[in-house]
C-alpha atoms as a PDB file:
ATOM      1  CA  MET A   1       0.160  -0.196  -0.176  1.00  0.00           C
ATOM      2  CA  ASN A   2       1.303   3.430  -0.618  1.00  0.00           C
ATOM      3  CA  ILE A   3       0.462   5.542   2.284  1.00  0.00           C
ATOM      4  CA  LEU A   4       1.516   9.266   2.861  1.00  0.00           C
ATOM      5  CA  LEU A   5       2.783  10.548   5.594  1.00  0.00           C
ATOM      6  CA  THR A   6       2.527  14.422   7.373  1.00  0.00           C
ATOM      7  CA  ASN A   7       2.242  16.344  10.492  1.00  0.00           C
ATOM      8  CA  ASP A   8       1.916  19.867  11.483  1.00  0.00           C
ATOM      9  CA  ASP A   9       4.808  19.926  13.700  1.00  0.00           C
ATOM     10  CA  GLY A  10       7.560  19.829  10.572  1.00  0.00           C
ATOM     11  CA  ILE A  11       9.717  17.426   8.636  1.00  0.00           C
ATOM     12  CA  HIS A  12      12.516  17.143  11.439  1.00  0.00           C
ATOM     13  CA  ALA A  13       9.584  16.204  14.268  1.00  0.00           C
ATOM     14  CA  GLU A  14      10.775  12.977  15.754  1.00  0.00           C
ATOM     15  CA  GLY A  15       6.925  11.418  15.251  1.00  0.00           C
ATOM     16  CA  LEU A  16       6.841  11.530  12.116  1.00  0.00           C
ATOM     17  CA  TRP A  17       9.588   9.895  11.053  1.00  0.00           C
ATOM     18  CA  ALA A  18       8.662   6.808  13.793  1.00  0.00           C
ATOM     19  CA  LEU A  19       5.814   6.471  11.635  1.00  0.00           C
ATOM     20  CA  GLN A  20       7.657   6.271   8.935  1.00  0.00           C
ATOM     21  CA  LYS A  21       9.875   3.724  10.627  1.00  0.00           C
ATOM     22  CA  ALA A  22       7.471   1.715  11.825  1.00  0.00           C
ATOM     23  CA  LEU A  23       5.418   1.726   8.983  1.00  0.00           C
ATOM     24  CA  SER A  24       7.519   1.518   5.644  1.00  0.00           C
ATOM     25  CA  GLY A  25       7.993  -2.301   6.887  1.00  0.00           C
ATOM     26  CA  GLU A  26       5.181  -3.279   4.940  1.00  0.00           C
ATOM     27  CA  HIS A  27       3.657  -0.131   3.165  1.00  0.00           C
ATOM     28  CA  ARG A  28       5.501   1.585   0.632  1.00  0.00           C
ATOM     29  CA  THR A  29       5.135   5.645   2.639  1.00  0.00           C
ATOM     30  CA  THR A  30       6.726   8.524   1.260  1.00  0.00           C
ATOM     31  CA  VAL A  31       6.810  11.408   3.404  1.00  0.00           C
ATOM     32  CA  VAL A  32       5.229  15.701   2.649  1.00  0.00           C
ATOM     33  CA  ALA A  33       5.463  17.875   5.161  1.00  0.00           C
ATOM     34  CA  PRO A  34       6.014  21.608   6.015  1.00  0.00           C
ATOM     35  CA  ASP A  35       9.145  22.396   6.275  1.00  0.00           C
ATOM     36  CA  MET A  36       8.879  23.934   9.684  1.00  0.00           C
ATOM     37  CA  GLU A  37       6.168  23.519  12.408  1.00  0.00           C
ATOM     38  CA  ARG A  38       2.524  24.611  11.706  1.00  0.00           C
ATOM     39  CA  SER A  39       0.612  23.448  14.575  1.00  0.00           C
ATOM     40  CA  ALA A  40      -2.726  25.016  15.248  1.00  0.00           C
ATOM     41  CA  VAL A  41      -3.227  26.224  11.714  1.00  0.00           C
ATOM     42  CA  GLY A  42      -6.664  24.705  10.672  1.00  0.00           C
ATOM     43  CA  HIS A  43      -7.501  24.209   7.583  1.00  0.00           C
ATOM     44  CA  SER A  44      -5.280  26.973   5.999  1.00  0.00           C
ATOM     45  CA  ILE A  45      -4.620  26.836   2.952  1.00  0.00           C
ATOM     46  CA  THR A  46      -2.100  28.450   0.742  1.00  0.00           C
ATOM     47  CA  LEU A  47      -2.710  30.654  -1.744  1.00  0.00           C
ATOM     48  CA  LEU A  48      -1.038  34.508  -2.140  1.00  0.00           C
ATOM     49  CA  GLN A  49       2.773  33.252  -1.840  1.00  0.00           C
ATOM     50  CA  PRO A  50       3.940  30.605  -3.879  1.00  0.00           C
ATOM     51  CA  LEU A  51       4.830  27.670  -2.793  1.00  0.00           C
ATOM     52  CA  ARG A  52       8.635  25.411  -2.719  1.00  0.00           C
ATOM     53  CA  VAL A  53       9.205  22.411  -2.206  1.00  0.00           C
ATOM     54  CA  ASN A  54      12.149  20.931  -1.211  1.00  0.00           C
ATOM     55  CA  ARG A  55      14.083  17.683  -0.816  1.00  0.00           C
ATOM     56  CA  ILE A  56      16.129  16.202   2.047  1.00  0.00           C
ATOM     57  CA  GLN A  57      17.362  13.790   4.257  1.00  0.00           C
ATOM     58  CA  THR A  58      16.650  14.508   8.105  1.00  0.00           C
ATOM     59  CA  ASN A  59      16.100  11.436  11.120  1.00  0.00           C
ATOM     60  CA  GLY A  60      17.059   9.251   9.005  1.00  0.00           C
ATOM     61  CA  GLY A  61      14.743   9.290   6.248  1.00  0.00           C
ATOM     62  CA  ARG A  62      14.260  10.944   3.114  1.00  0.00           C
ATOM     63  CA  GLY A  63      11.056  13.780   2.071  1.00  0.00           C
ATOM     64  CA  TYR A  64       9.727  16.662   1.093  1.00  0.00           C
ATOM     65  CA  ALA A  65       9.920  20.023   3.188  1.00  0.00           C
ATOM     66  CA  VAL A  66       6.814  22.634   1.608  1.00  0.00           C
ATOM     67  CA  SER A  67       6.954  25.858   2.453  1.00  0.00           C
ATOM     68  CA  GLY A  68       3.002  25.773   3.558  1.00  0.00           C
ATOM     69  CA  THR A  69       0.023  23.970   5.600  1.00  0.00           C
ATOM     70  CA  PRO A  70      -0.325  20.611   6.320  1.00  0.00           C
ATOM     71  CA  ALA A  71      -3.992  20.872   4.644  1.00  0.00           C
ATOM     72  CA  ASP A  72      -0.766  22.403   1.536  1.00  0.00           C
ATOM     73  CA  CYS A  73       0.888  19.083   1.477  1.00  0.00           C
ATOM     74  CA  VAL A  74      -2.071  17.042   0.895  1.00  0.00           C
ATOM     75  CA  LYS A  75      -2.451  19.110  -1.782  1.00  0.00           C
ATOM     76  CA  LEU A  76       0.205  19.094  -3.036  1.00  0.00           C
ATOM     77  CA  ALA A  77       1.957  15.697  -2.774  1.00  0.00           C
ATOM     78  CA  VAL A  78      -1.356  13.608  -4.600  1.00  0.00           C
ATOM     79  CA  LEU A  79      -1.798  16.287  -7.609  1.00  0.00           C
ATOM     80  CA  GLU A  80       1.695  17.065  -7.839  1.00  0.00           C
ATOM     81  CA  ILE A  81       4.943  15.315  -6.016  1.00  0.00           C
ATOM     82  CA  LEU A  82       3.382  11.666  -5.908  1.00  0.00           C
ATOM     83  CA  GLU A  83       3.497   9.103  -8.938  1.00  0.00           C
ATOM     84  CA  THR A  84       0.594   7.087  -8.079  1.00  0.00           C
ATOM     85  CA  ARG A  85      -2.767   8.549  -5.786  1.00  0.00           C
ATOM     86  CA  PRO A  86      -1.654   7.263  -2.299  1.00  0.00           C
ATOM     87  CA  ASP A  87      -3.537   4.099  -0.981  1.00  0.00           C
ATOM     88  CA  MET A  88      -4.430   6.741   2.712  1.00  0.00           C
ATOM     89  CA  VAL A  89      -2.700   9.216   4.219  1.00  0.00           C
ATOM     90  CA  VAL A  90      -1.252   9.504   8.250  1.00  0.00           C
ATOM     91  CA  SER A  91      -1.318  12.200   9.170  1.00  0.00           C
ATOM     92  CA  GLY A  92       0.993  13.087  12.918  1.00  0.00           C
ATOM     93  CA  ILE A  93       2.284  11.623  15.007  1.00  0.00           C
ATOM     94  CA  ASN A  94       1.086  15.183  17.171  1.00  0.00           C
ATOM     95  CA  PRO A  95       3.192  15.373  20.782  1.00  0.00           C
ATOM     96  CA  GLY A  96      -0.041  16.558  22.486  1.00  0.00           C
ATOM     97  CA  PRO A  97      -3.956  15.331  22.043  1.00  0.00           C
ATOM     98  CA  ASN A  98      -5.970  16.177  19.617  1.00  0.00           C
ATOM     99  CA  VAL A  99      -9.793  16.365  21.236  1.00  0.00           C
ATOM    100  CA  GLY A 100     -12.580  18.690  22.086  1.00  0.00           C
ATOM    101  CA  ILE A 101     -12.962  22.179  19.938  1.00  0.00           C
ATOM    102  CA  ASN A 102      -8.505  21.741  19.214  1.00  0.00           C
ATOM    103  CA  LEU A 103     -10.228  20.113  16.087  1.00  0.00           C
ATOM    104  CA  ASN A 104     -11.268  22.913  14.487  1.00  0.00           C
ATOM    105  CA  TYR A 105      -7.223  24.240  15.289  1.00  0.00           C
ATOM    106  CA  SER A 106      -5.672  21.625  14.318  1.00  0.00           C
ATOM    107  CA  GLY A 107      -3.262  21.062  11.541  1.00  0.00           C
ATOM    108  CA  THR A 108      -2.385  17.578  11.975  1.00  0.00           C
ATOM    109  CA  VAL A 109      -6.135  16.954  11.612  1.00  0.00           C
ATOM    110  CA  SER A 110      -7.311  19.169   8.937  1.00  0.00           C
ATOM    111  CA  ALA A 111      -5.065  16.880   6.881  1.00  0.00           C
ATOM    112  CA  ALA A 112      -6.032  14.152   7.840  1.00  0.00           C
ATOM    113  CA  LYS A 113      -9.557  16.087   5.943  1.00  0.00           C
ATOM    114  CA  GLU A 114      -7.927  16.892   4.104  1.00  0.00           C
ATOM    115  CA  ALA A 115      -7.556  13.540   2.090  1.00  0.00           C
ATOM    116  CA  ALA A 116     -10.928  12.234   3.014  1.00  0.00           C
ATOM    117  CA  LEU A 117     -12.624  15.347   0.602  1.00  0.00           C
ATOM    118  CA  MET A 118     -10.107  14.207  -1.945  1.00  0.00           C
ATOM    119  CA  GLY A 119     -11.425  10.323  -1.513  1.00  0.00           C
ATOM    120  CA  ILE A 120      -8.379   9.153   1.024  1.00  0.00           C
ATOM    121  CA  PRO A 121      -8.650   6.849   3.223  1.00  0.00           C
ATOM    122  CA  ALA A 122      -7.015   8.910   6.759  1.00  0.00           C
ATOM    123  CA  ILE A 123      -6.421   8.963  10.168  1.00  0.00           C
ATOM    124  CA  ALA A 124      -5.246  11.466  12.244  1.00  0.00           C
ATOM    125  CA  ILE A 125      -2.604  10.396  15.325  1.00  0.00           C
ATOM    126  CA  SER A 126      -2.421  12.522  18.103  1.00  0.00           C
ATOM    127  CA  GLN A 127      -0.736  11.384  21.392  1.00  0.00           C
ATOM    128  CA  TYR A 128      -0.319  12.823  25.287  1.00  0.00           C
ATOM    129  CA  PRO A 129       3.679  14.715  25.288  1.00  0.00           C
ATOM    130  CA  ASN A 130       5.814  12.191  27.245  1.00  0.00           C
ATOM    131  CA  PRO A 131       9.227  13.074  28.651  1.00  0.00           C
ATOM    132  CA  ASP A 132      11.187  10.815  26.165  1.00  0.00           C
ATOM    133  CA  LYS A 133       8.942  11.377  23.404  1.00  0.00           C
ATOM    134  CA  GLU A 134       8.514   7.072  22.938  1.00  0.00           C
ATOM    135  CA  TYR A 135       6.628   6.761  19.688  1.00  0.00           C
ATOM    136  CA  ARG A 136       6.493   3.909  19.834  1.00  0.00           C
ATOM    137  CA  VAL A 137       3.035   2.672  21.811  1.00  0.00           C
ATOM    138  CA  ALA A 138       1.096   5.370  18.628  1.00  0.00           C
ATOM    139  CA  ALA A 139       3.335   5.168  15.724  1.00  0.00           C
ATOM    140  CA  ASP A 140       1.970   0.752  16.216  1.00  0.00           C
ATOM    141  CA  PHE A 141      -1.599   0.446  16.652  1.00  0.00           C
ATOM    142  CA  VAL A 142      -1.378   3.090  13.401  1.00  0.00           C
ATOM    143  CA  GLY A 143      -0.058   0.069  11.557  1.00  0.00           C
ATOM    144  CA  THR A 144      -2.855  -2.449  12.903  1.00  0.00           C
ATOM    145  CA  LEU A 145      -5.747   0.685  12.300  1.00  0.00           C
ATOM    146  CA  ILE A 146      -4.081   0.009   8.800  1.00  0.00           C
ATOM    147  CA  ALA A 147      -5.262  -3.016   8.643  1.00  0.00           C
ATOM    148  CA  LYS A 148      -8.477  -2.699   9.556  1.00  0.00           C
ATOM    149  CA  ILE A 149      -9.247  -0.023   7.486  1.00  0.00           C
ATOM    150  CA  ILE A 150      -8.056  -2.643   4.070  1.00  0.00           C
ATOM    151  CA  GLU A 151     -10.147  -4.863   6.104  1.00  0.00           C
ATOM    152  CA  ASP A 152     -13.442  -2.554   6.017  1.00  0.00           C
ATOM    153  CA  GLY A 153     -13.350   0.659   4.275  1.00  0.00           C
ATOM    154  CA  LEU A 154     -13.755   4.280   5.337  1.00  0.00           C
ATOM    155  CA  PRO A 155     -17.210   5.708   4.447  1.00  0.00           C
ATOM    156  CA  SER A 156     -16.687   8.010   1.517  1.00  0.00           C
ATOM    157  CA  GLY A 157     -15.462  12.069   3.389  1.00  0.00           C
ATOM    158  CA  THR A 158     -15.536   9.580   6.706  1.00  0.00           C
ATOM    159  CA  PHE A 159     -11.129  10.347   8.170  1.00  0.00           C
ATOM    160  CA  LEU A 160     -10.609   8.891  12.038  1.00  0.00           C
ATOM    161  CA  ASN A 161      -8.634  11.130  14.660  1.00  0.00           C
ATOM    162  CA  VAL A 162      -7.235   8.821  16.912  1.00  0.00           C
ATOM    163  CA  ASN A 163      -5.769   9.716  20.460  1.00  0.00           C
ATOM    164  CA  VAL A 164      -3.045   7.436  21.913  1.00  0.00           C
ATOM    165  CA  PRO A 165      -1.937   7.621  25.235  1.00  0.00           C
ATOM    166  CA  ALA A 166       1.786   8.288  25.689  1.00  0.00           C
ATOM    167  CA  CYS A 167       2.406   4.827  28.762  1.00  0.00           C
ATOM    168  CA  PRO A 168       3.520   1.680  27.847  1.00  0.00           C
ATOM    169  CA  SER A 169       1.363  -1.351  26.051  1.00  0.00           C
ATOM    170  CA  ASP A 170       0.996  -2.722  29.317  1.00  0.00           C
ATOM    171  CA  ARG A 171      -1.262  -0.045  31.229  1.00  0.00           C
ATOM    172  CA  ILE A 172      -3.096   1.395  28.327  1.00  0.00           C
ATOM    173  CA  GLU A 173      -6.875   0.550  29.513  1.00  0.00           C
ATOM    174  CA  GLY A 174      -7.744  -0.313  26.249  1.00  0.00           C
ATOM    175  CA  ILE A 175      -9.728   0.967  23.169  1.00  0.00           C
ATOM    176  CA  ARG A 176     -13.190   2.936  22.805  1.00  0.00           C
ATOM    177  CA  ILE A 177     -14.875   4.627  20.136  1.00  0.00           C
ATOM    178  CA  THR A 178     -15.772   7.788  21.109  1.00  0.00           C
ATOM    179  CA  ARG A 179     -17.719  11.298  19.951  1.00  0.00           C
ATOM    180  CA  GLN A 180     -16.009  14.639  19.315  1.00  0.00           C
ATOM    181  CA  GLY A 181     -16.442  16.709  23.142  1.00  0.00           C
ATOM    182  CA  ILE A 182     -16.557  19.339  23.323  1.00  0.00           C
ATOM    183  CA  SER A 183     -13.324  20.665  25.537  1.00  0.00           C
ATOM    184  CA  ARG A 184     -11.145  23.224  25.384  1.00  0.00           C
ATOM    185  CA  LEU A 185      -8.225  24.344  26.040  1.00  0.00           C
ATOM    186  CA  LYS A 186      -7.879  27.188  29.557  1.00  0.00           C
ATOM    187  CA  GLU A 187      -7.178  30.541  28.092  1.00  0.00           C
ATOM    188  CA  ILE A 188      -5.074  33.072  28.315  1.00  0.00           C
ATOM    189  CA  PHE A 189      -3.772  35.986  26.538  1.00  0.00           C
ATOM    190  CA  TYR A 190      -0.283  37.682  27.581  1.00  0.00           C
ATOM    191  CA  ARG A 191      -0.639  41.490  27.122  1.00  0.00           C
ATOM    192  CA  ARG A 192       2.960  43.107  27.205  1.00  0.00           C
ATOM    193  CA  THR A 193       4.978  45.952  25.805  1.00  0.00           C
ATOM    194  CA  ASP A 194       6.883  46.656  23.053  1.00  0.00           C
ATOM    195  CA  PRO A 195      10.331  48.418  23.077  1.00  0.00           C
ATOM    196  CA  ARG A 196       7.713  51.635  21.230  1.00  0.00           C
ATOM    197  CA  GLU A 197       5.916  51.359  23.867  1.00  0.00           C
ATOM    198  CA  GLN A 198       3.247  49.641  22.221  1.00  0.00           C
ATOM    199  CA  THR A 199       1.363  47.013  23.407  1.00  0.00           C
ATOM    200  CA  TYR A 200       1.081  43.492  21.943  1.00  0.00           C
ATOM    201  CA  TYR A 201      -0.706  40.410  22.454  1.00  0.00           C
ATOM    202  CA  TRP A 202       1.154  36.930  23.304  1.00  0.00           C
ATOM    203  CA  GLN A 203      -1.460  33.759  23.243  1.00  0.00           C
ATOM    204  CA  GLY A 204      -0.957  31.297  25.322  1.00  0.00           C
ATOM    205  CA  ALA A 205      -3.014  27.722  26.454  1.00  0.00           C
ATOM    206  CA  GLU A 206      -3.004  26.699  30.410  1.00  0.00           C
ATOM    207  CA  THR A 207      -3.935  23.299  31.597  1.00  0.00           C
ATOM    208  CA  GLN A 208      -6.935  20.516  28.887  1.00  0.00           C
ATOM    209  CA  ILE A 209     -10.499  20.620  29.961  1.00  0.00           C
ATOM    210  CA  TYR A 210     -11.638  17.151  29.598  1.00  0.00           C
ATOM    211  CA  ASP A 211     -15.351  16.208  29.482  1.00  0.00           C
ATOM    212  CA  ILE A 212     -16.444  14.018  31.515  1.00  0.00           C
ATOM    213  CA  ASP A 213     -18.821  12.042  29.615  1.00  0.00           C
ATOM    214  CA  MET A 214     -17.134   8.621  29.016  1.00  0.00           C
ATOM    215  CA  GLU A 215     -18.685   8.485  25.376  1.00  0.00           C
ATOM    216  CA  THR A 216     -16.110  11.426  24.981  1.00  0.00           C
ATOM    217  CA  ASP A 217     -12.422  11.242  23.232  1.00  0.00           C
ATOM    218  CA  GLY A 218     -10.733  13.529  25.634  1.00  0.00           C
ATOM    219  CA  ALA A 219     -12.963  11.272  28.615  1.00  0.00           C
ATOM    220  CA  VAL A 220     -11.641   8.094  27.328  1.00  0.00           C
ATOM    221  CA  LEU A 221      -8.530   9.549  26.867  1.00  0.00           C
ATOM    222  CA  SER A 222      -7.869  11.094  30.456  1.00  0.00           C
ATOM    223  CA  LYS A 223      -8.361   7.203  31.501  1.00  0.00           C
ATOM    224  CA  ASN A 224      -5.219   5.812  29.081  1.00  0.00           C
ATOM    225  CA  TYR A 225      -8.101   4.758  26.482  1.00  0.00           C
ATOM    226  CA  ILE A 226      -6.944   4.942  23.086  1.00  0.00           C
ATOM    227  CA  SER A 227      -9.840   7.269  21.708  1.00  0.00           C
ATOM    228  CA  ILE A 228     -10.870   6.885  17.812  1.00  0.00           C
ATOM    229  CA  THR A 229     -13.184   9.047  17.039  1.00  0.00           C
ATOM    230  CA  PRO A 230     -14.580   8.641  13.048  1.00  0.00           C
ATOM    231  CA  VAL A 231     -14.950  12.109  11.996  1.00  0.00           C
ATOM    232  CA  GLN A 232     -17.141  13.671   8.706  1.00  0.00           C
ATOM    233  CA  CYS A 233     -15.888  16.773   6.391  1.00  0.00           C
ATOM    234  CA  ASP A 234     -19.485  17.779   4.987  1.00  0.00           C
ATOM    235  CA  MET A 235     -20.787  19.575   8.317  1.00  0.00           C
ATOM    236  CA  THR A 236     -24.321  19.933   8.039  1.00  0.00           C
ATOM    237  CA  ASP A 237     -26.525  19.632  11.032  1.00  0.00           C
ATOM    238  CA  TYR A 238     -29.561  17.788   9.564  1.00  0.00           C
ATOM    239  CA  GLN A 239     -31.833  18.229  12.192  1.00  0.00           C
ATOM    240  CA  ALA A 240     -31.459  21.814  12.626  1.00  0.00           C
ATOM    241  CA  MET A 241     -31.327  21.340   9.005  1.00  0.00           C
ATOM    242  CA  GLU A 242     -35.559  19.800   9.341  1.00  0.00           C
ATOM    243  CA  ARG A 243     -36.559  22.377  12.717  1.00  0.00           C
ATOM    244  CA  LEU A 244     -35.517  25.431   9.736  1.00  0.00           C
ATOM    245  CA  LYS A 245     -37.668  24.184   7.217  1.00  0.00           C
ATOM    246  CA  SER A 246     -40.431  24.382   9.721  1.00  0.00           C
ATOM    247  CA  TRP A 247     -39.363  28.277  10.285  1.00  0.00           C
ATOM    248  CA  ASP A 248     -41.977  30.932   8.116  1.00  0.00           C
ATOM    249  CA  ILE A 249     -39.077  33.532   6.379  1.00  0.00           C
ATOM    250  CA  CYS A 250     -39.709  35.570   3.644  1.00  0.00           C
ATOM    251  CA  LEU A 251     -38.058  38.434   2.041  1.00  0.00           C
ATOM    252  CA  LYS A 252     -39.511  41.733   3.322  1.00  0.00           C
END
């Protein structure tokens, strides 16, 4: 199977190459990733400046470094860089959870979503950060998940958002199929003054707040379960759509 690997942490990120090492034994992998960190850029694409691609050697492997966003990387890889269309796209491994409302901001998740929009099965993979940055458990689990996707497939326009606890496999409580929660980070802005006495703000984030409902991604992850959330590209609220049809709306 031909697998495209990307991320939002940049082509030098350890999690990306842990994936490449874990998957390259059974699959043909190609790395196309941002040339620098592009965390929290969401599903942005580059329109107002050119995209540049450089073939580089890093962390014991070769890949393509793109001067753009994760979504740019997927588009450019599929349409220009790769000789054949990939059978699957895997984005990650992100060193930190992508749960709750973070899915709206995450470049890791958006790369997988871009693949799904192009009709390619995709996985976004994240884990808790840990001091020694050990990604083996998460990387090996992606290999297991790929085998299941090959066997059963994914619905069109759906990709998987996966979060793995950063701990040894014998400490993982199990695997849960979850829904996206509404948990968010406790956010803060740091107000500063530059040398010209002008005020500026630096956005930061404090503690991740998790939902307590054990059907949600953040809740199960906080209890050391692997969370697998199927995410649709179609953002239509069909229940609200039916309700709105009953509204008496007319032009003035």
